[in-house]
Protein backbone atom coordinates (compact mmCIF):
# COMPACT_ATOMS: atom_id res chain seq x y z
CA MET A 1 19.52 38.33 50.66
CA THR A 2 23.00 38.33 49.49
CA LEU A 3 24.03 40.19 46.49
CA LYS A 4 24.56 37.16 44.41
CA GLU A 5 20.93 36.00 45.12
CA CYS A 6 19.48 39.40 44.35
CA LYS A 7 21.55 39.53 40.86
CA LYS A 8 20.34 35.94 40.18
CA GLU A 9 16.48 37.09 40.89
CA GLU A 10 17.04 40.20 38.53
CA LYS A 11 18.38 37.96 35.83
CA MET A 12 15.55 35.69 36.10
CA ASP A 13 13.11 38.46 35.92
CA ARG A 14 14.44 39.90 32.79
CA GLU A 15 14.44 36.49 31.19
CA PHE A 16 10.90 36.13 32.17
CA ARG A 17 9.89 39.45 30.84
CA LYS A 18 11.65 38.77 27.48
CA LYS A 19 10.55 35.15 27.09
CA PHE A 20 6.80 35.84 27.78
CA LYS A 21 6.73 39.67 26.53
CA PHE A 22 5.23 40.50 29.95
CA GLU A 23 4.95 44.20 30.79
CA GLY A 24 4.30 45.91 34.04
CA SER A 25 4.96 44.65 37.52
CA VAL A 26 4.89 40.88 38.39
CA SER A 27 1.94 40.39 40.90
CA VAL A 28 0.18 37.29 42.14
CA LEU A 29 -3.49 37.49 41.29
CA THR A 30 -4.39 34.12 43.13
CA GLN A 31 -3.06 30.71 44.01
CA MET A 32 -4.36 27.50 42.47
CA MET A 33 -3.50 23.89 42.99
CA VAL A 34 -2.52 21.41 40.07
CA ASP A 35 -5.25 18.39 40.17
CA PRO A 36 -4.12 15.46 42.20
CA ALA A 37 -5.70 13.26 39.76
CA ALA A 38 -3.89 15.12 36.67
CA THR A 39 -0.92 13.22 35.10
CA GLU A 40 2.47 15.04 35.84
CA LYS A 41 3.82 16.68 32.82
CA ARG A 42 7.59 17.92 31.84
CA GLY A 43 7.77 21.51 30.92
CA GLY A 44 8.46 22.45 27.41
CA ALA A 45 9.66 25.72 25.77
CA LYS A 46 7.14 27.91 27.67
CA ASN A 47 5.14 25.29 29.52
CA LEU A 48 5.74 24.95 33.33
CA PRO A 49 6.45 21.12 34.55
CA LEU A 50 3.58 20.11 36.62
CA ARG A 51 3.55 18.12 39.76
CA ARG A 52 0.30 16.72 41.31
CA GLY A 53 -1.06 18.54 44.28
CA GLU A 54 1.45 21.56 43.73
CA ILE A 55 0.37 25.00 44.63
CA LEU A 56 1.16 27.74 41.89
CA ASP A 57 0.99 31.65 41.88
CA VAL A 58 -1.22 32.79 39.05
CA ILE A 59 0.47 35.75 37.36
CA GLN A 60 -1.87 36.21 34.49
CA PHE A 61 -5.09 34.68 32.89
CA THR A 62 -3.84 34.49 29.26
CA ASN A 63 -6.71 32.84 27.48
CA GLN A 64 -9.37 30.18 27.90
CA GLU A 65 -6.84 27.19 27.77
CA GLN A 66 -3.81 28.54 29.45
CA ILE A 67 -2.68 30.52 32.62
CA LEU A 68 0.77 32.16 33.31
CA CYS A 69 1.73 30.57 36.60
CA ARG A 70 5.00 30.66 38.79
CA ASN A 71 5.96 27.70 40.93
CA SER A 72 7.70 27.51 44.20
CA GLN A 73 11.21 27.23 42.44
CA ARG A 74 10.33 30.74 40.99
CA ARG A 75 10.07 29.51 37.52
CA TYR A 76 7.37 30.70 35.08
CA GLY A 77 5.58 29.03 32.35
CA TYR A 78 2.18 28.25 30.85
CA VAL A 79 -0.10 25.82 32.71
CA PRO A 80 -3.53 24.24 31.06
CA ARG A 81 -6.60 25.61 32.74
CA ALA A 82 -8.11 22.09 32.75
CA VAL A 83 -5.67 20.83 35.27
CA MET A 84 -6.07 23.71 37.57
CA LEU A 85 -8.07 23.71 40.83
CA PRO A 86 -8.98 26.95 42.96
CA LEU A 87 -8.10 26.81 46.59
């Protein structure tokens, strides 16, 4: 990893912690897949854009309706539990 990539990743990590008020280490609890039958959604302020069949890393089970996830582009956001399937 180059110095530029390392600094970019650190910046993204700081922004994630500030935006979601996340404390502690970022660890992947499990991986889940977006339901292939779900409609694709654009991301919002704190919501992650969804693509059918995409596999997401689960960072935190926040409440009964949402999960904090990370996608393959290392972007973080909330995803509705209703569209998630276990692998």
